[in-house]
Amino acid sequence: MSEQRTTGGEAMSTSYGFRQVAEGDKQSLVDTVFHKVAGRYDLMNDLMSGGLHRLWKDAMVAALNPPKRPGWRALDVAGGTGDIAFRIVDASDRAAHVTVLDINGSMLEVGRSRAEKRGLIGSLDFVEANAQELPFEDDTFDAYTIAFGIRNVPEIETALGEAYRVLKTGGRFLCLEFSEVDMPILDRVYEQWSFKAIPQIGRMVTGEAEPYSYLVESIRKFPNQTNFASMISRAGFERVTFRNYSGGIAALHSGWKL
């Protein structure tokens, strides 16, 4: 049912799920997906993961352990709806400042609205920009986070290079992403759930099945844990590690700019 994973990021630039598209076409297709699902994105995350995405995100921010001191800055990329940014601000007792960056304006609108309701606007700013061309100076941020977003970036190596560039020396890179299940029974159950149930749930909740077919397929095309760790190392990061969650359904990759 699923296709073979890519071994590196280079094939992702022309991979729209299981479809091969022309060079340069992927970004607009992905943008269309997220414009369609932005209003129900967080609800669908709950339904697709059984709520587990909340635990994985909590674990990601716990691993980051943002300090409770003013002046510490994080960049959360592809973080439009604010899930990771809100957690970072809360974990720092509102001392941290987080820049939420997303290429999709619809997702950012959802994030701004949620931030206003939580009274967090003073701790956040929202920037519409491309992960492959970050509009920031070198050595700007103490941390760079990206959750369930990097597989949607056409040129993953370029995005990793930009992450390295904007981090200060001593800064940390953390990426939470769906990955390769490493448990024999779970992988079959997960396969059936992903390809048969998730697109139909998407149709019922959002009226759209196709965006969720793409999202499921993109997970299967993304490099596995070891190959993605190698890509992070090639971007210049050191002490690169990964930790599996829920049998490898998701994995947290970490690297340092030293």
Protein backbone atom coordinates (compact mmCIF):
# COMPACT_ATOMS: atom_id res chain seq x y z
CA MET A 1 0.00 0.00 0.00
CA SER A 2 2.68 2.50 0.97
CA GLU A 3 5.66 3.36 -1.16
CA GLN A 4 9.30 3.11 -0.19
CA ARG A 5 10.72 5.93 1.88
CA THR A 6 13.26 8.28 0.45
CA THR A 7 16.74 7.78 1.89
CA GLY A 8 17.59 11.46 1.85
CA GLY A 9 15.81 14.78 1.49
CA GLU A 10 16.64 15.39 -2.15
CA ALA A 11 13.68 13.35 -3.46
CA MET A 12 11.22 15.27 -1.27
CA SER A 13 11.48 18.40 -3.42
CA THR A 14 9.42 16.77 -6.20
CA SER A 15 7.38 14.38 -4.06
CA TYR A 16 3.80 15.46 -3.34
CA GLY A 17 2.84 12.42 -1.34
CA PHE A 18 3.20 9.50 -3.73
CA ARG A 19 2.90 11.77 -6.78
CA GLN A 20 5.94 13.15 -8.54
CA VAL A 21 5.50 16.80 -9.46
CA ALA A 22 7.61 19.26 -11.41
CA GLU A 23 10.48 21.05 -9.69
CA GLY A 24 9.06 24.13 -8.01
CA ASP A 25 5.44 22.95 -7.93
CA LYS A 26 5.36 21.29 -4.51
CA GLN A 27 5.21 24.47 -2.41
CA SER A 28 2.01 25.79 -4.02
CA LEU A 29 0.34 22.39 -3.70
CA VAL A 30 1.25 22.15 -0.02
CA ASP A 31 0.05 25.73 0.56
CA THR A 32 -3.33 24.79 -0.89
CA VAL A 33 -3.57 21.85 1.50
CA PHE A 34 -3.01 24.00 4.56
CA HIS A 35 -5.31 26.82 3.42
CA LYS A 36 -8.05 24.17 3.20
CA VAL A 37 -7.47 22.59 6.61
CA ALA A 38 -6.29 25.53 8.76
CA GLY A 39 -9.56 26.05 10.59
CA ARG A 40 -9.79 22.40 11.67
CA TYR A 41 -6.08 21.60 11.79
CA ASP A 42 -5.81 21.14 15.56
CA LEU A 43 -9.03 19.13 15.78
CA MET A 44 -7.79 16.84 13.03
CA ASN A 45 -4.48 16.36 14.84
CA ASP A 46 -6.44 15.10 17.84
CA LEU A 47 -8.52 12.75 15.74
CA MET A 48 -5.60 11.46 13.65
CA SER A 49 -3.31 10.77 16.63
CA GLY A 50 -5.88 9.94 19.28
CA GLY A 51 -4.60 12.97 21.18
CA LEU A 52 -1.04 11.63 21.27
CA HIS A 53 0.31 14.68 19.42
CA ARG A 54 -0.29 16.68 22.60
CA LEU A 55 1.92 14.33 24.63
CA TRP A 56 4.64 14.36 21.95
CA LYS A 57 4.62 18.16 21.86
CA ASP A 58 4.76 18.32 25.66
CA ALA A 59 7.77 15.98 25.56
CA MET A 60 9.44 18.14 22.90
CA VAL A 61 9.16 21.30 24.99
CA ALA A 62 10.24 19.42 28.12
CA ALA A 63 13.37 18.35 26.22
CA LEU A 64 13.96 21.96 25.17
CA ASN A 65 13.54 23.12 28.78
CA PRO A 66 13.38 26.86 28.01
CA PRO A 67 14.96 28.97 30.75
CA LYS A 68 12.91 31.31 32.90
CA ARG A 69 14.94 34.38 32.02
CA PRO A 70 14.15 37.37 29.81
CA GLY A 71 15.97 37.72 26.51
CA TRP A 72 15.88 34.05 25.54
CA ARG A 73 14.47 33.71 22.01
CA ALA A 74 13.07 30.77 20.08
CA LEU A 75 11.99 30.45 16.46
CA ASP A 76 9.14 28.01 15.84
CA VAL A 77 8.99 27.22 12.14
CA ALA A 78 5.85 25.86 10.43
CA GLY A 79 4.18 26.62 13.75
CA GLY A 80 1.24 28.64 12.47
CA THR A 81 -1.43 27.60 14.97
CA GLY A 82 0.89 28.19 17.91
CA ASP A 83 0.86 24.78 19.61
CA ILE A 84 4.61 24.64 20.26
CA ALA A 85 5.08 28.37 20.80
CA PHE A 86 2.40 28.52 23.50
CA ARG A 87 4.02 25.60 25.31
CA ILE A 88 7.47 27.25 25.18
CA VAL A 89 6.14 30.53 26.59
CA ASP A 90 4.27 28.74 29.36
CA ALA A 91 7.27 26.53 30.23
CA SER A 92 9.43 29.64 30.60
CA ASP A 93 6.89 31.35 32.89
CA ARG A 94 6.35 33.81 30.01
CA ALA A 95 9.99 34.92 30.08
CA ALA A 96 10.83 33.55 26.61
CA HIS A 97 9.94 35.30 23.38
CA VAL A 98 8.91 33.07 20.48
CA THR A 99 8.72 34.02 16.82
CA VAL A 100 6.14 31.86 15.06
CA LEU A 101 7.01 31.50 11.38
CA ASP A 102 4.83 29.90 8.75
CA ILE A 103 4.57 30.19 4.98
CA ASN A 104 0.80 29.87 5.20
CA GLY A 105 -1.18 32.95 6.17
CA SER A 106 -4.33 30.98 7.02
CA MET A 107 -2.45 28.97 9.65
CA LEU A 108 -0.95 32.15 11.11
CA GLU A 109 -4.40 33.73 11.41
CA VAL A 110 -5.50 30.77 13.53
CA GLY A 111 -2.39 31.15 15.69
CA ARG A 112 -2.87 34.88 16.23
CA SER A 113 -6.48 34.36 17.25
CA ARG A 114 -5.53 31.64 19.71
CA ALA A 115 -2.69 33.76 21.14
CA GLU A 116 -5.03 36.71 21.70
CA LYS A 117 -7.48 34.50 23.59
CA ARG A 118 -4.63 33.27 25.82
CA GLY A 119 -3.23 36.75 26.43
CA LEU A 120 0.12 35.76 24.92
CA ILE A 121 0.51 38.34 22.16
CA GLY A 122 3.25 40.18 24.08
CA SER A 123 5.36 37.03 24.21
CA LEU A 124 4.97 36.14 20.54
CA ASP A 125 5.29 37.56 17.09
CA PHE A 126 4.03 36.00 13.87
CA VAL A 127 5.96 36.07 10.61
CA GLU A 128 4.80 34.84 7.21
CA ALA A 129 7.91 33.56 5.48
CA ASN A 130 9.58 30.55 3.88
CA ALA A 131 11.65 28.12 5.98
CA GLN A 132 14.11 28.01 3.07
CA GLU A 133 14.71 31.78 3.21
CA LEU A 134 14.45 32.93 6.81
CA PRO A 135 14.20 36.75 7.11
CA PHE A 136 16.55 36.96 10.11
CA GLU A 137 20.17 37.82 10.74
CA ASP A 138 22.75 35.15 11.52
CA ASP A 139 23.07 34.08 15.18
CA THR A 140 19.68 35.45 16.24
CA PHE A 141 17.91 32.66 18.15
CA ASP A 142 18.68 30.43 21.13
CA ALA A 143 16.46 27.63 19.83
CA TYR A 144 14.83 26.53 16.58
CA THR A 145 11.82 24.21 16.77
CA ILE A 146 9.71 22.65 14.04
CA ALA A 147 6.92 20.14 14.67
CA PHE A 148 5.31 18.11 11.88
CA GLY A 149 6.38 20.66 9.32
CA ILE A 150 9.74 19.80 7.83
CA ARG A 151 8.45 17.04 5.57
CA ASN A 152 6.33 19.68 3.81
CA VAL A 153 9.37 21.81 2.97
CA PRO A 154 10.49 21.13 -0.62
CA GLU A 155 14.23 21.67 -0.03
CA ILE A 156 14.85 20.14 3.39
CA GLU A 157 18.64 20.56 3.23
CA THR A 158 18.19 24.27 2.55
CA ALA A 159 15.83 24.63 5.53
CA LEU A 160 18.30 22.83 7.79
CA GLY A 161 21.07 25.14 6.61
CA GLU A 162 18.90 28.15 7.41
CA ALA A 163 18.16 26.72 10.86
CA TYR A 164 21.88 26.45 11.52
CA ARG A 165 22.52 29.97 10.24
CA VAL A 166 20.00 31.78 12.44
CA LEU A 167 20.91 29.92 15.63
CA LYS A 168 23.43 31.38 18.05
CA THR A 169 26.48 29.33 18.96
CA GLY A 170 25.24 27.00 21.67
CA GLY A 171 21.74 27.08 20.18
CA ARG A 172 19.60 23.99 19.86
CA PHE A 173 17.64 22.52 16.96
CA LEU A 174 14.63 20.33 17.76
CA CYS A 175 12.44 18.67 15.13
CA LEU A 176 9.37 16.58 15.93
CA GLU A 177 8.15 14.63 12.93
CA PHE A 178 6.20 11.52 12.02
CA SER A 179 8.68 8.76 11.30
CA GLU A 180 9.16 5.05 10.71
CA VAL A 181 7.34 2.63 13.03
CA ASP A 182 9.74 0.04 14.40
CA MET A 183 7.25 -2.43 15.95
CA PRO A 184 6.03 -5.24 13.63
CA ILE A 185 2.38 -5.42 14.73
CA LEU A 186 1.98 -1.69 15.32
CA ASP A 187 3.28 -0.85 11.86
CA ARG A 188 0.50 -2.88 10.20
CA VAL A 189 -2.22 -1.39 12.41
CA TYR A 190 -0.86 2.10 11.82
CA GLU A 191 -0.72 1.50 8.07
CA GLN A 192 -4.40 0.54 7.94
CA TRP A 193 -5.44 3.44 10.17
CA SER A 194 -3.44 5.94 8.15
CA PHE A 195 -4.52 5.04 4.64
CA LYS A 196 -8.11 3.93 5.26
CA ALA A 197 -9.38 5.89 8.26
CA ILE A 198 -7.60 9.26 8.27
CA PRO A 199 -8.69 10.51 4.80
CA GLN A 200 -12.30 9.56 5.59
CA ILE A 201 -12.17 11.31 8.97
CA GLY A 202 -10.79 14.34 7.16
CA ARG A 203 -13.69 14.24 4.72
CA MET A 204 -16.24 14.12 7.56
CA VAL A 205 -14.64 16.89 9.63
CA THR A 206 -13.38 19.29 6.97
CA GLY A 207 -15.21 18.18 3.84
CA GLU A 208 -11.85 17.34 2.25
CA ALA A 209 -10.22 13.91 2.00
CA GLU A 210 -7.41 14.74 -0.46
CA PRO A 211 -5.36 16.94 1.90
CA TYR A 212 -5.21 14.11 4.41
CA SER A 213 -4.29 11.55 1.77
CA TYR A 214 -1.33 13.81 0.95
CA LEU A 215 -0.35 14.18 4.61
CA VAL A 216 -0.42 10.40 5.16
CA GLU A 217 1.57 9.74 1.99
CA SER A 218 4.13 12.43 2.85
CA ILE A 219 4.86 10.67 6.13
CA ARG A 220 5.73 7.49 4.24
CA LYS A 221 8.06 9.34 1.87
CA PHE A 222 9.98 11.17 4.58
CA PRO A 223 13.48 9.81 5.43
CA ASN A 224 13.56 7.46 8.41
CA GLN A 225 15.10 8.39 11.74
CA THR A 226 18.69 7.44 10.95
CA ASN A 227 18.72 9.05 7.51
CA PHE A 228 17.19 12.27 8.79
CA ALA A 229 19.74 12.40 11.61
CA SER A 230 22.46 12.19 8.97
CA MET A 231 20.94 15.13 7.13
CA ILE A 232 20.96 17.20 10.33
CA SER A 233 24.61 16.37 10.88
CA ARG A 234 25.50 17.33 7.30
CA ALA A 235 23.92 20.74 7.93
CA GLY A 236 26.60 21.35 10.57
CA PHE A 237 24.84 20.34 13.76
CA GLU A 238 26.68 18.35 16.42
CA ARG A 239 25.59 15.89 19.11
CA VAL A 240 22.70 14.82 16.86
CA THR A 241 20.33 12.34 18.47
CA PHE A 242 16.76 11.13 18.07
CA ARG A 243 14.17 9.63 20.38
CA ASN A 244 11.19 7.59 19.22
CA TYR A 245 7.71 8.17 20.57
CA SER A 246 4.90 5.60 20.41
CA GLY A 247 6.99 2.94 18.69
CA GLY A 248 8.40 5.33 16.11
CA ILE A 249 5.12 6.84 14.94
CA ALA A 250 6.84 10.11 15.80
CA ALA A 251 10.47 10.93 16.54
CA LEU A 252 12.19 13.91 18.14
CA HIS A 253 15.51 14.86 16.55
CA SER A 254 17.94 17.09 18.38
CA GLY A 255 21.13 18.88 17.32
CA TRP A 256 23.35 21.66 18.64
CA LYS A 257 25.22 24.50 16.95
CA LEU A 258 28.56 24.32 18.72
